[in-house]
Each structure stands twice: as C-alpha cells, then as structure tokens.
Amino acid sequence: MKYDAIIIGSGPNGLAAGIRLAQEGLSVKIFEKEDTIGGGTRTLELTQPGFHHDICSAIHPLAKASPFLKSLPLKDYGLEWIQPEVPVAHPLDDQPSGALFRSFDKTVSYLQEEDKSNYAHSFAPFLEKWDELLTDILAPFSLIPNHPLKMAQFGLQALRSANGFTKRFKSTQTRALFAGLAAHGIMPFDATATAAIGLVLGITAHTVGWPYPKGGSHAITKAMAGYFESLGGEIETGVEITSVQELPDTKTILFNNTPQQILNIAGEKLPQSYAKKLQRYEYGQGVFKLDFALSEPIPWKDELCQKAGTVHVGGTFEEIATSEEQTANGKHADKPYVLVAQQSLGDESRAPDNKHTGWAYCHVPNGSTEDMTEPIISQIERFAPGFRDCIIEGHAMHTQDMQAYNPNYIGGDINGGRADITQLFTRPAGLFDPYHIPKTNMYIASSSTPPGGGVHGMCGYHAAESVLGRL
C-alpha cells in the first residue's frame, strides 16, 4: 500500500502532524519504536505498584493553550484536565512564597506593593488577546504575524535577558517568582530572549492555568491517538526505523526526531549542504529526574506550596541565576533549581489510598551521569522539613537514562536542541521553511523546529501545513 505520509515517532508532535494530514483525507501511518505511544508523555509505575509517574513532562500549560490541540475533540477521547488551586508557588527561606494565581488581579494584590504596578504593566497588555497572540508566538519566524503591532510589543519585552527583565522588580519575592518561570528555558539568565519563556508561562497561568491530565501525561497522547485513528490513521508500535529504506512506499516522510537521528536514518538521502547544517546543530543542557512514592504529601512550610500544582525550588533570583549559569558552564550546582510537582494531590488515581507521588528534576550539563539525588532532596527538604521521612521509594534517571528512554533527548536535552537566540527561531538549519528538507520528500516535525520544546503539538502542525502546501 502506498501512503500519502509516514511519520517516524508518536510523540505529541508526530501525532499532531498525523492528525492534521488525516483531517485533509490523506492516508497516514505512524511508526513508533517503543511498545507504547507518547514520546515525552508516557506514564509508568516507576517506583512501586499503584504509583503512576510521568517519565518526563508532567504539567501542561502549553498543551491546554495550544492553538491546534485545543481545536481537537480530545475530551471525547478521554482527556480530562485537573486545575490545581494554585498554579505555581515559589518558596523562600525567610518570607512568604511567591505565587501565580489563575486570577491576574489576585496575583497582583498578593505581590509586594513596590512590584504591583510593574507586574501589571508587564503582563496585563497581553491577557485579553492572548489566544490570538499565542498563535503568532508559536508560529515559525518566517510567517507574517496576524497581529504585528501586538507581537512587536511582546517582542520588546520577550527579547530581553531574564537578568534585564527582572530589574523592574524590587522585592525578593517577585524577582524569585520570575526566575522560576524563566529557568524553564534551561539557559543562563544573561542570554538574549531568556525573558520570553517567563512571560509566556506567566501569562498562560492567568489565561488557561497550569493544569495536568487526569491519569497522567500519557492521557494527552492517548486521546490524540484515538482521534487520529478515528480519522483513518494507522499506528504501528514496536518498530524501530533505522533507515528510510525500511519504510513502505510513501509520498512523504516526516521525522518526529532531532537532527542527529535524522542524519542516522536518512543518511545519503539528505542534500550534502543540508546535512552539514544538521551536523552543526547544537543540543542544550540535560536534566536529572527523580520520582518518589510518598507516604504523605510533601510537607511544605508555606501553605500556598501545599496547594500548588508546580513548585519552583531554588530560593532567590540570584541563587537560581547562579545555578543556571553553573550548569551552562558544564558544572553541577550544589543548590540546583528544581521543578517539583505532586499531581496526586488533585488526582487520586495516581497513587494508592492515602499515598502520593512526587516528581522533580534539575538541570545538569549535557550527557552528565552525575547522581543529583541528594542535592535535589536537600533543596526540597530546605523548604519542606521532614520530606525525607515521607519517601517510600525513589527512582532516578540521569541524562543517559533519559536518552535511552526517548532517543530525542540527546544527552538529556528535553527541548530538542539549545534554545538560545541563534537557534530559537531558525532551528534546525536556518531555512525559510524550517520543516521541509530541501530537494526531498522529507520533513521535520519535532521540537528541533519552531517553536521548539513543550507539549503543544505546534511543530508537528506546522510541518503538516508545509506538507499540505506542497502536495
């Protein structure tokens, strides 16, 4: 059988590409190396039976806000969002935690008096039209924005470094809160455009929240797969594609893979000049991941943290900036910035009765095999005394474990490549159409294309649009 398109990889971007093509009546088949679909959204019992842990992504503001994903009937295929009472909290040693609430007004009223006005001026202009603006933000740089003036206004803020942007805030609390948001970019804070992810995540907290799927992150891709198959799409798991020559006859091939894998799979099929560009593509820092089976909820000192879906652990802005700079320079932070989530607080299906799950990771140099278990636990214990006593069992994954789990995570890089200003908009090869491999019937649909990492499916969606434009 000849297919219109074959997709390698069943992560959110691969499934998004498949759905978009199938919506137009094309025959599409997805091949997946593992026995289950999902890429970075799988959920497994990593510690003990009954404790369901998200292996990689856990909290999904961009999946909830995604212009493409929210257009799909995923609720009909089992996707149910859980909204924590407090989207984000940021504990500090000697004062109340910073926090983002769904309500913008509540957030502003909670901030220290000296930061209320600056926070409002930084975020409020984008709230009302955020859905439309996000469509432009999550589009390839080559497209003319639908809202050029508003995008220009956003760009003036977003292209600043996190260091520069945060100077507008005076209190330790607000500065730390923005540091926790900006650090999701996994970049040193003096780098250009490191304010962008902080702005996007902050605004998203006020518009759609920071929810997580009931049952685990795999619920997102299971729902996507169900809808894809309802459109006539096919998925075959347990098949590793090592060469494009192994694929059935097809008009087009889409890679939900990073440049290093595409070089291995496509080999001599790539134009030489393009292959050289892929060889120069640079990967970013890695992550060290811990999952916990817990006897009780994490005993945060601050009540807001006890209600939060996500807790950013790392202390002050200066401490987090130091941590991110150290890992960018190939060092391991003694006091790392740690992202912590405890989905079992709102989802009883995640753990046995009266028990809980814990999810945490920190940034490390690419390829690191350093055991960061103790630094992570120490940082959590710092703001939640007695946390160690709650641990029934832990499960650790260093960067090589992460890559073994998902080959897209080269050296533990969960973003599909370094997201600095030189690669953020032009990934992976600096072409006007970043998705099409020139002079071939092949396309890239992974997070190594704009808009980059995150569970939003927009890389796959735009790759599919590129295919449709040519077909």
Protein backbone atom coordinates (compact mmCIF):
# COMPACT_ATOMS: atom_id res chain seq x y z
CA MET A 1 0.00 0.00 0.00
CA LYS A 2 1.23 3.46 -0.83
CA TYR A 3 0.73 6.08 1.88
CA ASP A 4 0.47 9.80 1.45
CA ALA A 5 2.65 10.25 4.55
CA ILE A 6 4.63 8.19 7.01
CA ILE A 7 5.68 9.64 10.35
CA ILE A 8 8.54 8.31 12.47
CA GLY A 9 7.77 8.84 16.17
CA SER A 10 4.49 9.04 18.11
CA GLY A 11 5.17 11.93 20.48
CA PRO A 12 2.77 14.90 20.59
CA ASN A 13 4.34 16.49 17.50
CA GLY A 14 4.25 13.31 15.46
CA LEU A 15 0.61 12.76 16.38
CA ALA A 16 -0.25 16.41 15.68
CA ALA A 17 1.25 16.13 12.21
CA GLY A 18 -0.61 12.90 11.60
CA ILE A 19 -3.92 14.37 12.73
CA ARG A 20 -3.57 17.47 10.57
CA LEU A 21 -2.78 15.42 7.47
CA ALA A 22 -5.54 12.91 8.17
CA GLN A 23 -8.01 15.77 8.60
CA GLU A 24 -7.41 16.56 4.93
CA GLY A 25 -8.13 12.97 3.92
CA LEU A 26 -4.54 11.82 3.46
CA SER A 27 -3.54 8.25 4.28
CA VAL A 28 -1.06 8.42 7.16
CA LYS A 29 0.88 5.84 9.16
CA ILE A 30 2.95 6.44 12.28
CA PHE A 31 5.78 4.13 13.32
CA GLU A 32 6.87 4.04 16.97
CA LYS A 33 9.99 2.34 18.31
CA GLU A 34 8.54 1.58 21.75
CA ASP A 35 5.62 -0.70 22.56
CA THR A 36 3.53 2.29 23.62
CA ILE A 37 2.98 5.68 22.04
CA GLY A 38 3.70 9.01 23.65
CA GLY A 39 7.31 10.19 23.43
CA GLY A 40 7.78 12.51 26.40
CA THR A 41 4.24 11.98 27.71
CA ARG A 42 4.35 8.41 28.97
CA THR A 43 3.20 7.48 32.48
CA LEU A 44 4.53 4.36 34.21
CA GLU A 45 4.78 2.69 37.62
CA LEU A 46 8.43 3.56 38.14
CA THR A 47 8.66 3.01 41.91
CA GLN A 48 6.04 0.67 43.34
CA PRO A 49 2.77 -0.82 42.03
CA GLY A 50 -0.03 1.72 42.08
CA PHE A 51 2.22 4.78 41.91
CA HIS A 52 1.86 6.27 38.42
CA HIS A 53 4.70 8.62 37.48
CA ASP A 54 5.13 10.88 34.45
CA ILE A 55 8.51 9.94 33.00
CA CYS A 56 9.15 13.37 31.51
CA SER A 57 6.58 16.14 31.09
CA ALA A 58 4.01 16.50 33.86
CA ILE A 59 2.40 19.96 33.95
CA HIS A 60 0.94 21.25 30.70
CA PRO A 61 0.03 24.93 30.37
CA LEU A 62 1.07 24.97 26.71
CA ALA A 63 -0.90 21.82 25.88
CA LYS A 64 -4.02 23.43 27.33
CA ALA A 65 -3.32 26.69 25.47
CA SER A 66 -2.08 25.18 22.19
CA PRO A 67 -3.98 26.69 19.23
CA PHE A 68 -4.02 23.32 17.48
CA LEU A 69 -4.61 20.93 20.38
CA LYS A 70 -7.49 22.95 21.77
CA SER A 71 -9.18 22.74 18.35
CA LEU A 72 -9.33 18.95 18.63
CA PRO A 73 -12.11 16.93 20.33
CA LEU A 74 -9.66 15.34 22.77
CA LYS A 75 -12.19 15.38 25.60
CA ASP A 76 -14.24 12.89 23.59
CA TYR A 77 -11.22 10.56 23.71
CA GLY A 78 -10.70 10.67 27.47
CA LEU A 79 -8.61 13.78 28.10
CA GLU A 80 -9.64 15.49 31.35
CA TRP A 81 -7.72 18.45 32.79
CA ILE A 82 -7.16 18.99 36.51
CA GLN A 83 -6.57 22.57 37.64
CA PRO A 84 -4.60 22.95 40.89
CA GLU A 85 -5.83 25.56 43.31
CA VAL A 86 -2.54 27.46 42.91
CA PRO A 87 -0.81 27.04 39.52
CA VAL A 88 2.71 27.98 40.67
CA ALA A 89 4.35 28.64 44.03
CA HIS A 90 7.93 29.62 44.83
CA PRO A 91 9.08 29.14 48.45
CA LEU A 92 11.66 31.37 50.10
CA ASP A 93 13.66 30.94 53.30
CA ASP A 94 12.63 33.95 55.31
CA GLN A 95 9.40 35.31 53.81
CA PRO A 96 6.13 34.12 52.25
CA SER A 97 6.28 32.25 48.97
CA GLY A 98 5.86 33.90 45.62
CA ALA A 99 2.80 32.66 43.75
CA LEU A 100 0.90 32.88 40.49
CA PHE A 101 -2.87 32.53 40.71
CA ARG A 102 -5.31 31.95 37.87
CA SER A 103 -6.74 35.36 38.71
CA PHE A 104 -4.50 38.14 37.48
CA ASP A 105 -5.98 40.58 39.99
CA LYS A 106 -5.42 38.16 42.86
CA THR A 107 -1.80 37.75 41.79
CA VAL A 108 -1.21 41.50 41.66
CA SER A 109 -2.85 42.01 45.05
CA TYR A 110 -0.65 39.29 46.54
CA LEU A 111 2.61 40.87 45.30
CA GLN A 112 4.66 43.27 47.36
CA GLU A 113 3.43 46.86 46.98
CA GLU A 114 6.55 48.04 45.13
CA ASP A 115 6.02 45.45 42.33
CA LYS A 116 2.27 45.62 41.71
CA SER A 117 2.43 48.29 39.03
CA ASN A 118 5.42 46.88 37.15
CA TYR A 119 3.95 43.38 37.12
CA ALA A 120 0.66 44.69 35.80
CA HIS A 121 2.39 46.73 33.07
CA SER A 122 4.46 43.69 32.07
CA PHE A 123 1.67 41.14 31.78
CA ALA A 124 -1.73 42.87 31.52
CA PRO A 125 -1.37 44.19 27.92
CA PHE A 126 -1.30 40.64 26.56
CA LEU A 127 -4.04 38.91 28.55
CA GLU A 128 -7.14 39.86 26.58
CA LYS A 129 -5.82 38.82 23.17
CA TRP A 130 -3.55 36.03 24.38
CA ASP A 131 -5.18 33.28 22.31
CA GLU A 132 -4.55 35.17 19.09
CA LEU A 133 -1.10 36.31 20.15
CA LEU A 134 -0.03 32.82 21.15
CA THR A 135 -0.85 31.63 17.64
CA ASP A 136 1.80 34.07 16.37
CA ILE A 137 4.29 33.23 19.13
CA LEU A 138 4.05 29.50 18.38
CA ALA A 139 4.42 30.00 14.63
CA PRO A 140 7.65 29.81 12.59
CA PHE A 141 9.56 33.06 12.36
CA SER A 142 9.13 33.05 8.57
CA LEU A 143 5.38 33.71 8.82
CA ILE A 144 4.00 37.23 8.92
CA PRO A 145 2.24 37.58 12.29
CA ASN A 146 -1.51 38.03 12.37
CA HIS A 147 -1.09 40.75 14.99
CA PRO A 148 2.15 42.55 14.07
CA LEU A 149 1.77 45.51 16.45
CA LYS A 150 0.95 43.35 19.46
CA MET A 151 3.76 40.95 18.53
CA ALA A 152 6.17 43.86 18.33
CA GLN A 153 5.06 44.98 21.78
CA PHE A 154 5.55 41.46 23.11
CA GLY A 155 8.90 41.12 21.37
CA LEU A 156 10.30 44.23 23.02
CA GLN A 157 9.74 42.51 26.35
CA ALA A 158 10.50 38.89 25.38
CA LEU A 159 13.81 39.54 23.63
CA ARG A 160 15.35 40.88 26.83
CA SER A 161 17.52 38.71 29.03
CA ALA A 162 15.96 37.41 32.22
CA ASN A 163 18.55 39.46 34.09
CA GLY A 164 17.49 42.66 32.36
CA PHE A 165 13.76 42.00 32.55
CA THR A 166 13.81 41.22 36.27
CA LYS A 167 15.46 44.55 37.16
CA ARG A 168 12.00 46.11 37.03
CA PHE A 169 11.02 44.16 40.13
CA LYS A 170 12.24 45.23 43.57
CA SER A 171 11.09 42.57 46.04
CA THR A 172 12.90 39.29 46.60
CA GLN A 173 9.56 37.53 46.23
CA THR A 174 8.66 38.81 42.73
CA ARG A 175 12.20 38.50 41.42
CA ALA A 176 12.37 34.89 42.56
CA LEU A 177 8.96 34.15 41.08
CA PHE A 178 10.04 35.34 37.62
CA ALA A 179 13.35 33.49 37.94
CA GLY A 180 11.45 30.24 38.42
CA LEU A 181 9.46 30.90 35.25
CA ALA A 182 12.44 31.97 33.14
CA ALA A 183 14.53 28.97 34.20
CA HIS A 184 12.18 26.68 32.24
CA GLY A 185 14.16 27.83 29.20
CA ILE A 186 17.22 25.99 30.53
CA MET A 187 19.53 28.88 29.65
CA PRO A 188 21.78 31.23 31.63
CA PHE A 189 19.90 34.37 32.58
CA ASP A 190 22.24 36.77 30.78
CA ALA A 191 21.33 35.27 27.39
CA THR A 192 19.14 37.24 24.97
CA ALA A 193 15.43 36.32 24.96
CA THR A 194 15.53 34.36 28.21
CA ALA A 195 12.67 36.56 29.41
CA ALA A 196 10.43 35.08 26.70
CA ILE A 197 9.59 31.77 28.33
CA GLY A 198 8.97 33.51 31.65
CA LEU A 199 6.47 35.85 30.02
CA VAL A 200 4.73 33.08 28.09
CA LEU A 201 4.38 30.80 31.12
CA GLY A 202 3.32 33.66 33.40
CA ILE A 203 0.62 34.89 31.04
CA THR A 204 -0.56 31.34 30.41
CA ALA A 205 -1.02 30.82 34.16
CA HIS A 206 -3.54 33.67 34.13
CA THR A 207 -5.34 32.58 30.96
CA VAL A 208 -5.57 28.76 31.00
CA GLY A 209 -3.74 27.83 34.21
CA TRP A 210 -1.06 25.18 34.66
CA PRO A 211 -3.16 22.00 34.57
CA TYR A 212 -2.24 18.34 34.35
CA PRO A 213 -4.17 15.45 32.76
CA LYS A 214 -6.13 13.06 34.91
CA GLY A 215 -4.39 9.69 34.95
CA GLY A 216 -1.05 11.03 33.80
CA SER A 217 0.54 12.81 30.87
CA HIS A 218 0.01 9.81 28.62
CA ALA A 219 -3.68 10.77 28.59
CA ILE A 220 -2.79 13.58 26.16
CA THR A 221 -1.23 11.39 23.51
CA LYS A 222 -3.71 8.55 24.07
CA ALA A 223 -6.50 10.97 23.27
CA MET A 224 -4.61 12.29 20.26
CA ALA A 225 -4.01 8.74 19.02
CA GLY A 226 -7.67 7.87 19.45
CA TYR A 227 -8.74 10.87 17.37
CA PHE A 228 -6.04 10.18 14.76
CA GLU A 229 -7.24 6.61 14.31
CA SER A 230 -10.85 7.79 14.06
CA LEU A 231 -9.73 9.79 11.02
CA GLY A 232 -8.36 6.62 9.42
CA GLY A 233 -4.76 6.99 10.57
CA GLU A 234 -2.64 3.96 11.42
CA ILE A 235 -0.13 3.46 14.24
CA GLU A 236 2.34 0.60 14.49
CA THR A 237 4.36 0.28 17.69
CA GLY A 238 7.43 -1.81 18.48
CA VAL A 239 9.10 -0.91 15.16
CA GLU A 240 12.44 0.89 15.14
CA ILE A 241 13.21 2.63 11.86
CA THR A 242 16.95 2.74 11.28
CA SER A 243 16.81 3.72 7.60
CA VAL A 244 14.22 5.37 5.37
CA GLN A 245 14.71 2.41 3.04
CA GLU A 246 12.83 0.27 5.58
CA LEU A 247 9.64 2.32 5.14
CA PRO A 248 6.69 1.34 2.95
CA ASP A 249 6.08 3.24 -0.26
CA THR A 250 5.03 6.77 0.61
CA LYS A 251 4.77 10.22 -0.93
CA THR A 252 6.24 11.97 2.10
CA ILE A 253 8.22 11.16 5.25
CA LEU A 254 8.01 13.19 8.44
CA PHE A 255 10.59 12.83 11.22
CA ASN A 256 9.49 13.40 14.79
CA ASN A 257 13.21 13.20 15.53
CA THR A 258 16.14 15.52 16.19
CA PRO A 259 18.90 16.28 13.65
CA GLN A 260 21.31 13.66 14.99
CA GLN A 261 18.76 10.89 14.46
CA ILE A 262 17.71 12.18 11.06
CA LEU A 263 21.33 12.05 9.92
CA ASN A 264 21.46 8.42 11.01
CA ILE A 265 18.13 7.42 9.47
CA ALA A 266 18.15 9.41 6.23
CA GLY A 267 21.87 9.17 5.55
CA GLU A 268 22.80 9.82 1.95
CA LYS A 269 19.23 10.84 1.08
CA LEU A 270 19.91 14.30 2.54
CA PRO A 271 21.42 17.07 0.39
CA GLN A 272 25.06 17.43 1.43
CA SER A 273 24.79 21.12 2.30
CA TYR A 274 21.73 20.46 4.46
CA ALA A 275 23.38 17.52 6.22
CA LYS A 276 26.30 19.78 7.16
CA LYS A 277 23.86 22.21 8.78
CA LEU A 278 22.30 19.39 10.78
CA GLN A 279 25.76 18.27 11.88
CA ARG A 280 26.37 21.75 13.31
CA TYR A 281 23.10 21.75 15.25
CA GLU A 282 23.75 22.16 18.97
CA TYR A 283 21.99 20.47 21.86
CA GLY A 284 21.34 22.11 25.20
CA GLN A 285 21.71 21.13 28.82
CA GLY A 286 20.28 17.91 30.16
CA VAL A 287 18.08 17.01 33.11
CA PHE A 288 18.37 14.71 36.09
CA LYS A 289 14.97 13.33 37.07
CA LEU A 290 13.60 11.88 40.32
CA ASP A 291 10.25 10.24 41.02
CA PHE A 292 9.03 9.44 44.52
CA ALA A 293 6.49 7.15 46.08
CA LEU A 294 5.46 9.11 49.19
CA SER A 295 3.66 8.19 52.39
CA GLU A 296 2.05 11.65 52.57
CA PRO A 297 2.04 14.97 50.71
CA ILE A 298 5.27 16.97 50.62
CA PRO A 299 5.25 18.91 53.93
CA TRP A 300 5.91 22.38 52.59
CA LYS A 301 6.28 25.03 55.29
CA ASP A 302 4.23 27.52 53.30
CA GLU A 303 0.54 26.72 52.87
CA LEU A 304 0.48 28.08 49.29
CA CYS A 305 3.02 25.44 48.25
CA GLN A 306 0.76 22.76 49.69
CA LYS A 307 -1.97 23.89 47.27
CA ALA A 308 0.29 24.34 44.23
CA GLY A 309 0.44 22.06 41.21
CA THR A 310 4.00 23.19 40.50
CA VAL A 311 6.58 24.40 43.00
CA HIS A 312 9.80 26.08 41.83
CA VAL A 313 12.52 25.28 44.34
CA GLY A 314 15.75 27.23 44.31
CA GLY A 315 15.48 30.25 46.53
CA THR A 316 16.19 33.77 45.36
CA PHE A 317 16.67 35.10 41.84
CA GLU A 318 20.41 35.28 42.47
CA GLU A 319 20.58 31.65 43.61
CA ILE A 320 18.67 30.38 40.58
CA ALA A 321 20.72 32.54 38.20
CA THR A 322 23.89 31.06 39.69
CA SER A 323 22.55 27.52 39.34
CA GLU A 324 21.65 28.03 35.67
CA GLU A 325 25.00 29.66 34.90
CA GLN A 326 26.88 26.78 36.54
CA THR A 327 25.11 24.08 34.53
CA ALA A 328 25.53 26.06 31.31
CA ASN A 329 29.28 26.09 32.03
CA GLY A 330 29.43 22.34 32.49
CA LYS A 331 29.24 22.29 36.29
CA HIS A 332 26.82 20.68 38.72
CA ALA A 333 25.08 23.09 41.07
CA ASP A 334 25.31 22.38 44.78
CA LYS A 335 21.94 24.10 45.19
CA PRO A 336 20.16 23.37 41.90
CA TYR A 337 16.97 24.92 40.63
CA VAL A 338 14.40 22.12 40.99
CA LEU A 339 10.97 21.81 39.43
CA VAL A 340 8.60 19.89 41.69
CA ALA A 341 5.08 18.59 41.00
CA GLN A 342 2.72 16.48 43.05
CA GLN A 343 -0.15 15.51 40.78
CA SER A 344 -1.63 13.03 43.26
CA LEU A 345 -2.94 15.98 45.31
CA GLY A 346 -5.65 16.51 42.70
CA ASP A 347 -5.71 13.09 41.05
CA GLU A 348 -6.33 10.17 43.38
CA SER A 349 -5.76 7.70 40.54
CA ARG A 350 -2.04 8.45 40.61
CA ALA A 351 -1.27 6.66 43.91
CA PRO A 352 -2.74 4.08 46.33
CA ASP A 353 -5.13 5.29 49.03
CA ASN A 354 -3.59 7.88 51.34
CA LYS A 355 -0.31 7.77 49.43
CA HIS A 356 1.19 10.25 46.98
CA THR A 357 3.58 10.65 44.06
CA GLY A 358 6.36 13.20 43.78
CA TRP A 359 8.01 14.42 40.56
CA ALA A 360 11.17 16.52 40.39
CA TYR A 361 14.07 17.36 38.12
CA CYS A 362 17.00 19.72 37.88
CA HIS A 363 19.26 20.92 35.07
CA VAL A 364 22.69 19.38 34.51
CA PRO A 365 25.36 19.53 31.78
CA ASN A 366 24.52 17.64 28.61
CA GLY A 367 25.46 13.97 28.89
CA SER A 368 26.03 14.09 32.66
CA THR A 369 25.81 10.88 34.66
CA GLU A 370 26.26 12.68 37.99
CA ASP A 371 23.85 11.50 40.70
CA MET A 372 21.90 14.60 41.76
CA THR A 373 19.59 12.75 44.13
CA GLU A 374 20.99 14.29 47.31
CA PRO A 375 21.13 17.90 46.03
CA ILE A 376 17.50 17.66 44.86
CA ILE A 377 16.24 16.12 48.11
CA SER A 378 18.20 18.67 50.13
CA GLN A 379 16.65 21.55 48.20
CA ILE A 380 13.12 20.20 48.77
CA GLU A 381 13.88 19.48 52.44
CA ARG A 382 15.07 23.07 52.78
CA PHE A 383 11.51 24.32 52.22
CA ALA A 384 9.68 21.18 53.35
CA PRO A 385 11.33 19.87 56.54
CA GLY A 386 10.57 16.18 57.05
CA PHE A 387 10.36 15.44 53.32
CA ARG A 388 12.95 12.66 53.61
CA ASP A 389 10.74 10.82 56.08
CA CYS A 390 7.90 10.78 53.53
CA ILE A 391 9.91 8.90 50.87
CA ILE A 392 8.87 5.26 50.49
CA GLU A 393 10.94 4.71 47.36
CA GLY A 394 12.66 6.82 44.73
CA HIS A 395 13.52 6.33 41.07
CA ALA A 396 16.34 8.28 39.40
CA MET A 397 17.20 8.95 35.75
CA HIS A 398 20.37 10.74 34.64
CA THR A 399 20.77 12.21 31.16
CA GLN A 400 21.81 8.95 29.53
CA ASP A 401 18.81 7.20 31.07
CA MET A 402 16.61 9.91 29.62
CA GLN A 403 18.10 9.43 26.16
CA ALA A 404 17.70 5.66 26.42
CA TYR A 405 14.05 6.19 27.29
CA ASN A 406 13.50 8.68 24.46
CA PRO A 407 16.19 8.93 21.75
CA ASN A 408 15.03 12.51 21.05
CA TYR A 409 16.58 13.53 24.39
CA ILE A 410 20.14 13.75 23.14
CA GLY A 411 22.38 13.98 26.20
CA GLY A 412 19.27 14.55 28.32
CA ASP A 413 18.17 17.64 26.35
CA ILE A 414 14.37 17.55 26.62
CA ASN A 415 13.90 20.60 24.34
CA GLY A 416 15.20 19.11 21.11
CA GLY A 417 18.18 21.46 20.94
CA ARG A 418 19.61 24.51 22.64
CA ALA A 419 17.01 27.30 22.62
CA ASP A 420 19.21 30.38 22.54
CA ILE A 421 18.70 33.26 20.14
CA THR A 422 20.88 31.62 17.45
CA GLN A 423 18.66 28.52 17.28
CA LEU A 424 15.32 29.50 18.79
CA PHE A 425 13.82 30.97 15.61
CA THR A 426 15.97 29.35 12.92
CA ARG A 427 16.16 25.73 14.11
CA PRO A 428 17.35 23.42 12.71
CA ALA A 429 19.01 24.76 9.54
CA GLY A 430 18.16 28.45 9.10
CA LEU A 431 15.78 27.99 6.18
CA PHE A 432 12.67 30.00 5.28
CA ASP A 433 10.65 26.79 5.63
CA PRO A 434 12.27 25.10 8.63
CA TYR A 435 10.19 21.93 8.25
CA HIS A 436 10.96 20.85 4.68
CA ILE A 437 14.25 19.14 3.88
CA PRO A 438 15.23 20.76 0.54
CA LYS A 439 15.07 18.74 -2.67
CA THR A 440 13.45 15.77 -0.92
CA ASN A 441 10.02 14.45 0.08
CA MET A 442 11.12 14.58 3.74
CA TYR A 443 10.10 16.90 6.57
CA ILE A 444 10.99 17.52 10.22
CA ALA A 445 8.09 17.65 12.68
CA SER A 446 9.94 17.56 16.01
CA SER A 447 10.79 20.12 18.68
CA SER A 448 14.01 20.74 16.74
CA THR A 449 11.86 23.05 14.60
CA PRO A 450 9.99 26.21 15.67
CA PRO A 451 8.50 26.86 18.15
CA GLY A 452 10.68 24.34 19.99
CA GLY A 453 10.19 22.24 23.10
CA GLY A 454 6.99 21.69 25.04
CA VAL A 455 3.86 19.59 24.71
CA HIS A 456 1.89 21.78 22.32
CA GLY A 457 1.98 19.88 19.02
CA MET A 458 2.68 23.07 17.05
CA CYS A 459 5.92 21.80 15.49
CA GLY A 460 4.01 18.84 14.05
CA TYR A 461 1.11 21.03 12.99
CA HIS A 462 3.34 23.45 11.06
CA ALA A 463 5.26 20.57 9.47
CA ALA A 464 1.95 19.14 8.26
CA GLU A 465 0.98 22.53 6.85
CA SER A 466 4.26 22.56 4.95
CA VAL A 467 3.45 19.12 3.53
CA LEU A 468 -0.06 20.19 2.54
CA GLY A 469 1.29 23.28 0.83
CA ARG A 470 3.49 21.13 -1.40
CA LEU A 471 1.02 18.31 -2.01
